[in-house]
Amino acid sequence: TMEGMIDKYMKCTGGGGRGSSSATFTAQEQLQPPTLDPKDQVNELKQEIDMLQKGIRYMFGGGDGTMNLQELLLLEKHLEYWISHIRSAKMDIMLQEIQSLRNTEGVLKNANKYLLEKIEENNNSVLDANFATVETNYSYPLTMPSEIFEF
């Protein structure tokens, strides 16, 4: 039966009974790359740096100027990886800028609304006041509150 096969598989892999958390944990461990010892990491990074420096020399025509196919493929893989990271970082920065601009837009809209309300209030209070128009030599009439002329 299917249950028998699963139990047999779990026993062979050391997972214990069906649905045990240890079987799930080992599956997750297999998906993650093994952790390297610091010396191995340093050596790996040194090799990558050497390969990249050789790639830079190759692209700019310095040094011996020859790379084999495997080195070129590895360089291409690294460049594609870096381009994806650069694009991702660029998109993050652009999204932050867009959010900042949206925030600024909201603040400016609120300020504009507030100022329009103030203008409206001032216009209403000016219309409510009793003004007298005085003729002048200018092309526009001079308006003054009529209380000034009351004695």
C-alpha atoms as a PDB file:
ATOM      1  CA  THR A   1       0.000   0.000   0.000  1.00  0.00           C
ATOM      2  CA  MET A   2       0.972   3.659  -0.305  1.00  0.00           C
ATOM      3  CA  GLU A   3       1.163   4.040   3.493  1.00  0.00           C
ATOM      4  CA  GLY A   4       3.474   1.045   3.707  1.00  0.00           C
ATOM      5  CA  MET A   5       5.773   2.497   1.057  1.00  0.00           C
ATOM      6  CA  ILE A   6       5.890   5.864   2.833  1.00  0.00           C
ATOM      7  CA  ASP A   7       6.656   4.213   6.186  1.00  0.00           C
ATOM      8  CA  LYS A   8       9.381   2.110   4.568  1.00  0.00           C
ATOM      9  CA  TYR A   9      10.850   5.252   2.943  1.00  0.00           C
ATOM     10  CA  MET A  10      10.843   7.095   6.278  1.00  0.00           C
ATOM     11  CA  LYS A  11      12.615   4.205   7.967  1.00  0.00           C
ATOM     12  CA  CYS A  12      15.273   4.058   5.259  1.00  0.00           C
ATOM     13  CA  THR A  13      15.921   7.791   5.297  1.00  0.00           C
ATOM     14  CA  GLY A  14      15.934   7.955   9.090  1.00  0.00           C
ATOM     15  CA  GLY A  15      12.896  10.217   9.132  1.00  0.00           C
ATOM     16  CA  GLY A  16      11.025   8.174  11.721  1.00  0.00           C
ATOM     17  CA  GLY A  17       7.234   7.894  11.468  1.00  0.00           C
ATOM     18  CA  ARG A  18       4.979   9.462   8.887  1.00  0.00           C
ATOM     19  CA  GLY A  19       4.603  13.209   8.977  1.00  0.00           C
ATOM     20  CA  SER A  20       7.324  13.691  11.546  1.00  0.00           C
ATOM     21  CA  SER A  21       8.906  17.093  11.849  1.00  0.00           C
ATOM     22  CA  SER A  22      12.384  15.609  11.421  1.00  0.00           C
ATOM     23  CA  ALA A  23      11.517  14.446   7.880  1.00  0.00           C
ATOM     24  CA  THR A  24      10.347  17.946   7.034  1.00  0.00           C
ATOM     25  CA  PHE A  25      13.473  19.457   8.562  1.00  0.00           C
ATOM     26  CA  THR A  26      15.801  17.214   6.552  1.00  0.00           C
ATOM     27  CA  ALA A  27      13.967  18.147   3.338  1.00  0.00           C
ATOM     28  CA  GLN A  28      14.433  21.824   4.156  1.00  0.00           C
ATOM     29  CA  GLU A  29      18.096  21.257   4.945  1.00  0.00           C
ATOM     30  CA  GLN A  30      18.599  19.664   1.534  1.00  0.00           C
ATOM     31  CA  LEU A  31      17.237  22.802  -0.174  1.00  0.00           C
ATOM     32  CA  GLN A  32      19.698  25.079   1.610  1.00  0.00           C
ATOM     33  CA  PRO A  33      23.305  25.141   0.442  1.00  0.00           C
ATOM     34  CA  PRO A  34      25.771  23.641   2.904  1.00  0.00           C
ATOM     35  CA  THR A  35      27.583  26.177   5.034  1.00  0.00           C
ATOM     36  CA  LEU A  36      31.249  26.469   4.214  1.00  0.00           C
ATOM     37  CA  ASP A  37      34.073  26.858   6.597  1.00  0.00           C
ATOM     38  CA  PRO A  38      35.442  30.443   6.659  1.00  0.00           C
ATOM     39  CA  LYS A  39      38.709  29.383   4.984  1.00  0.00           C
ATOM     40  CA  ASP A  40      36.774  27.812   2.110  1.00  0.00           C
ATOM     41  CA  GLN A  41      34.663  30.960   1.771  1.00  0.00           C
ATOM     42  CA  VAL A  42      37.807  33.107   1.620  1.00  0.00           C
ATOM     43  CA  ASN A  43      39.327  30.841  -1.031  1.00  0.00           C
ATOM     44  CA  GLU A  44      36.103  30.914  -3.049  1.00  0.00           C
ATOM     45  CA  LEU A  45      35.995  34.708  -2.901  1.00  0.00           C
ATOM     46  CA  LYS A  46      39.670  34.951  -3.915  1.00  0.00           C
ATOM     47  CA  GLN A  47      38.976  32.753  -6.941  1.00  0.00           C
ATOM     48  CA  GLU A  48      35.987  34.876  -7.854  1.00  0.00           C
ATOM     49  CA  ILE A  49      38.042  38.075  -7.538  1.00  0.00           C
ATOM     50  CA  ASP A  50      40.798  36.611  -9.720  1.00  0.00           C
ATOM     51  CA  MET A  51      38.271  35.537 -12.334  1.00  0.00           C
ATOM     52  CA  LEU A  52      36.620  38.970 -12.287  1.00  0.00           C
ATOM     53  CA  GLN A  53      39.932  40.789 -12.586  1.00  0.00           C
ATOM     54  CA  LYS A  54      40.828  38.577 -15.522  1.00  0.00           C
ATOM     55  CA  GLY A  55      37.427  39.326 -17.061  1.00  0.00           C
ATOM     56  CA  ILE A  56      37.972  43.065 -16.643  1.00  0.00           C
ATOM     57  CA  ARG A  57      41.412  42.803 -18.259  1.00  0.00           C
ATOM     58  CA  TYR A  58      39.844  40.794 -21.080  1.00  0.00           C
ATOM     59  CA  MET A  59      37.075  43.351 -21.658  1.00  0.00           C
ATOM     60  CA  PHE A  60      39.486  46.296 -21.714  1.00  0.00           C
ATOM     61  CA  GLY A  61      42.175  44.558 -23.746  1.00  0.00           C
ATOM     62  CA  GLY A  62      44.857  44.485 -21.046  1.00  0.00           C
ATOM     63  CA  GLY A  63      46.911  41.527 -19.888  1.00  0.00           C
ATOM     64  CA  ASP A  64      47.073  38.344 -21.921  1.00  0.00           C
ATOM     65  CA  GLY A  65      43.572  38.981 -23.314  1.00  0.00           C
ATOM     66  CA  THR A  66      42.567  35.334 -23.559  1.00  0.00           C
ATOM     67  CA  MET A  67      39.904  33.491 -21.622  1.00  0.00           C
ATOM     68  CA  ASN A  68      38.681  29.980 -22.194  1.00  0.00           C
ATOM     69  CA  LEU A  69      35.016  29.140 -22.758  1.00  0.00           C
ATOM     70  CA  GLN A  70      34.405  28.050 -19.163  1.00  0.00           C
ATOM     71  CA  GLU A  71      35.827  31.305 -17.794  1.00  0.00           C
ATOM     72  CA  LEU A  72      33.710  33.349 -20.205  1.00  0.00           C
ATOM     73  CA  LEU A  73      30.565  31.427 -19.249  1.00  0.00           C
ATOM     74  CA  LEU A  74      31.312  31.940 -15.561  1.00  0.00           C
ATOM     75  CA  LEU A  75      31.922  35.648 -16.148  1.00  0.00           C
ATOM     76  CA  GLU A  76      28.636  35.889 -18.068  1.00  0.00           C
ATOM     77  CA  LYS A  77      26.792  34.172 -15.206  1.00  0.00           C
ATOM     78  CA  HIS A  78      28.262  36.602 -12.674  1.00  0.00           C
ATOM     79  CA  LEU A  79      27.438  39.610 -14.841  1.00  0.00           C
ATOM     80  CA  GLU A  80      23.818  38.471 -15.229  1.00  0.00           C
ATOM     81  CA  TYR A  81      23.606  37.946 -11.466  1.00  0.00           C
ATOM     82  CA  TRP A  82      24.988  41.440 -10.790  1.00  0.00           C
ATOM     83  CA  ILE A  83      22.684  43.028 -13.347  1.00  0.00           C
ATOM     84  CA  SER A  84      19.674  41.453 -11.644  1.00  0.00           C
ATOM     85  CA  HIS A  85      20.851  42.768  -8.264  1.00  0.00           C
ATOM     86  CA  ILE A  86      21.523  46.227  -9.704  1.00  0.00           C
ATOM     87  CA  ARG A  87      18.077  46.323 -11.322  1.00  0.00           C
ATOM     88  CA  SER A  88      16.485  45.194  -8.079  1.00  0.00           C
ATOM     89  CA  ALA A  89      18.293  47.903  -6.093  1.00  0.00           C
ATOM     90  CA  LYS A  90      17.356  50.476  -8.751  1.00  0.00           C
ATOM     91  CA  MET A  91      13.696  49.457  -8.545  1.00  0.00           C
ATOM     92  CA  ASP A  92      13.778  49.716  -4.736  1.00  0.00           C
ATOM     93  CA  ILE A  93      15.226  53.231  -4.947  1.00  0.00           C
ATOM     94  CA  MET A  94      12.694  54.254  -7.593  1.00  0.00           C
ATOM     95  CA  LEU A  95       9.808  52.916  -5.480  1.00  0.00           C
ATOM     96  CA  GLN A  96      11.098  54.844  -2.467  1.00  0.00           C
ATOM     97  CA  GLU A  97      11.318  58.009  -4.595  1.00  0.00           C
ATOM     98  CA  ILE A  98       7.773  57.470  -5.883  1.00  0.00           C
ATOM     99  CA  GLN A  99       6.489  57.020  -2.332  1.00  0.00           C
ATOM    100  CA  SER A 100       8.337  60.154  -1.219  1.00  0.00           C
ATOM    101  CA  LEU A 101       6.853  62.131  -4.117  1.00  0.00           C
ATOM    102  CA  ARG A 102       3.376  60.820  -3.285  1.00  0.00           C
ATOM    103  CA  ASN A 103       3.827  61.928   0.307  1.00  0.00           C
ATOM    104  CA  THR A 104       4.976  65.357  -0.841  1.00  0.00           C
ATOM    105  CA  GLU A 105       2.013  65.537  -3.225  1.00  0.00           C
ATOM    106  CA  GLY A 106      -0.370  64.784  -0.357  1.00  0.00           C
ATOM    107  CA  VAL A 107       1.192  67.475   1.824  1.00  0.00           C
ATOM    108  CA  LEU A 108       1.016  70.034  -1.004  1.00  0.00           C
ATOM    109  CA  LYS A 109      -2.600  69.142  -1.798  1.00  0.00           C
ATOM    110  CA  ASN A 110      -3.552  69.616   1.852  1.00  0.00           C
ATOM    111  CA  ALA A 111      -1.688  72.933   2.010  1.00  0.00           C
ATOM    112  CA  ASN A 112      -3.388  74.065  -1.206  1.00  0.00           C
ATOM    113  CA  LYS A 113      -6.797  73.077   0.162  1.00  0.00           C
ATOM    114  CA  TYR A 114      -6.112  74.972   3.388  1.00  0.00           C
ATOM    115  CA  LEU A 115      -4.999  78.097   1.496  1.00  0.00           C
ATOM    116  CA  LEU A 116      -8.036  77.961  -0.797  1.00  0.00           C
ATOM    117  CA  GLU A 117     -10.283  77.781   2.273  1.00  0.00           C
ATOM    118  CA  LYS A 118      -8.497  80.797   3.759  1.00  0.00           C
ATOM    119  CA  ILE A 119      -8.898  82.741   0.502  1.00  0.00           C
ATOM    120  CA  GLU A 120     -12.567  81.823   0.422  1.00  0.00           C
ATOM    121  CA  GLU A 121     -12.984  82.981   4.038  1.00  0.00           C
ATOM    122  CA  ASN A 122     -11.223  86.279   3.259  1.00  0.00           C
ATOM    123  CA  ASN A 123     -13.345  86.822   0.142  1.00  0.00           C
ATOM    124  CA  ASN A 124     -16.502  86.200   2.125  1.00  0.00           C
ATOM    125  CA  SER A 125     -15.433  88.571   4.890  1.00  0.00           C
ATOM    126  CA  VAL A 126     -14.485  91.239   2.339  1.00  0.00           C
ATOM    127  CA  LEU A 127     -17.867  90.926   0.647  1.00  0.00           C
ATOM    128  CA  ASP A 128     -19.643  91.151   3.996  1.00  0.00           C
ATOM    129  CA  ALA A 129     -17.818  94.342   4.947  1.00  0.00           C
ATOM    130  CA  ASN A 130     -19.257  97.678   3.901  1.00  0.00           C
ATOM    131  CA  PHE A 131     -16.826  99.250   1.400  1.00  0.00           C
ATOM    132  CA  ALA A 132     -16.915 102.593  -0.386  1.00  0.00           C
ATOM    133  CA  THR A 133     -15.348 103.063  -3.800  1.00  0.00           C
ATOM    134  CA  VAL A 134     -13.195 106.149  -4.297  1.00  0.00           C
ATOM    135  CA  GLU A 135     -12.373 107.375  -7.788  1.00  0.00           C
ATOM    136  CA  THR A 136      -8.659 107.829  -8.504  1.00  0.00           C
ATOM    137  CA  ASN A 137      -6.447 108.654 -11.474  1.00  0.00           C
ATOM    138  CA  TYR A 138      -5.360 104.997 -11.600  1.00  0.00           C
ATOM    139  CA  SER A 139      -6.911 102.440 -13.914  1.00  0.00           C
ATOM    140  CA  TYR A 140      -8.399 100.533 -10.980  1.00  0.00           C
ATOM    141  CA  PRO A 141     -10.823 101.811  -8.313  1.00  0.00           C
ATOM    142  CA  LEU A 142      -9.669 102.236  -4.749  1.00  0.00           C
ATOM    143  CA  THR A 143     -11.916 100.603  -2.179  1.00  0.00           C
ATOM    144  CA  MET A 144     -11.870 101.576   1.460  1.00  0.00           C
ATOM    145  CA  PRO A 145     -14.045 100.598   4.384  1.00  0.00           C
ATOM    146  CA  SER A 146     -16.944 103.038   4.623  1.00  0.00           C
ATOM    147  CA  GLU A 147     -16.477 103.502   8.421  1.00  0.00           C
ATOM    148  CA  ILE A 148     -13.590 105.839   7.718  1.00  0.00           C
ATOM    149  CA  PHE A 149     -15.951 108.376   6.220  1.00  0.00           C
ATOM    150  CA  GLU A 150     -18.480 108.278   9.070  1.00  0.00           C
ATOM    151  CA  PHE A 151     -18.165 111.043  11.637  1.00  0.00           C
END
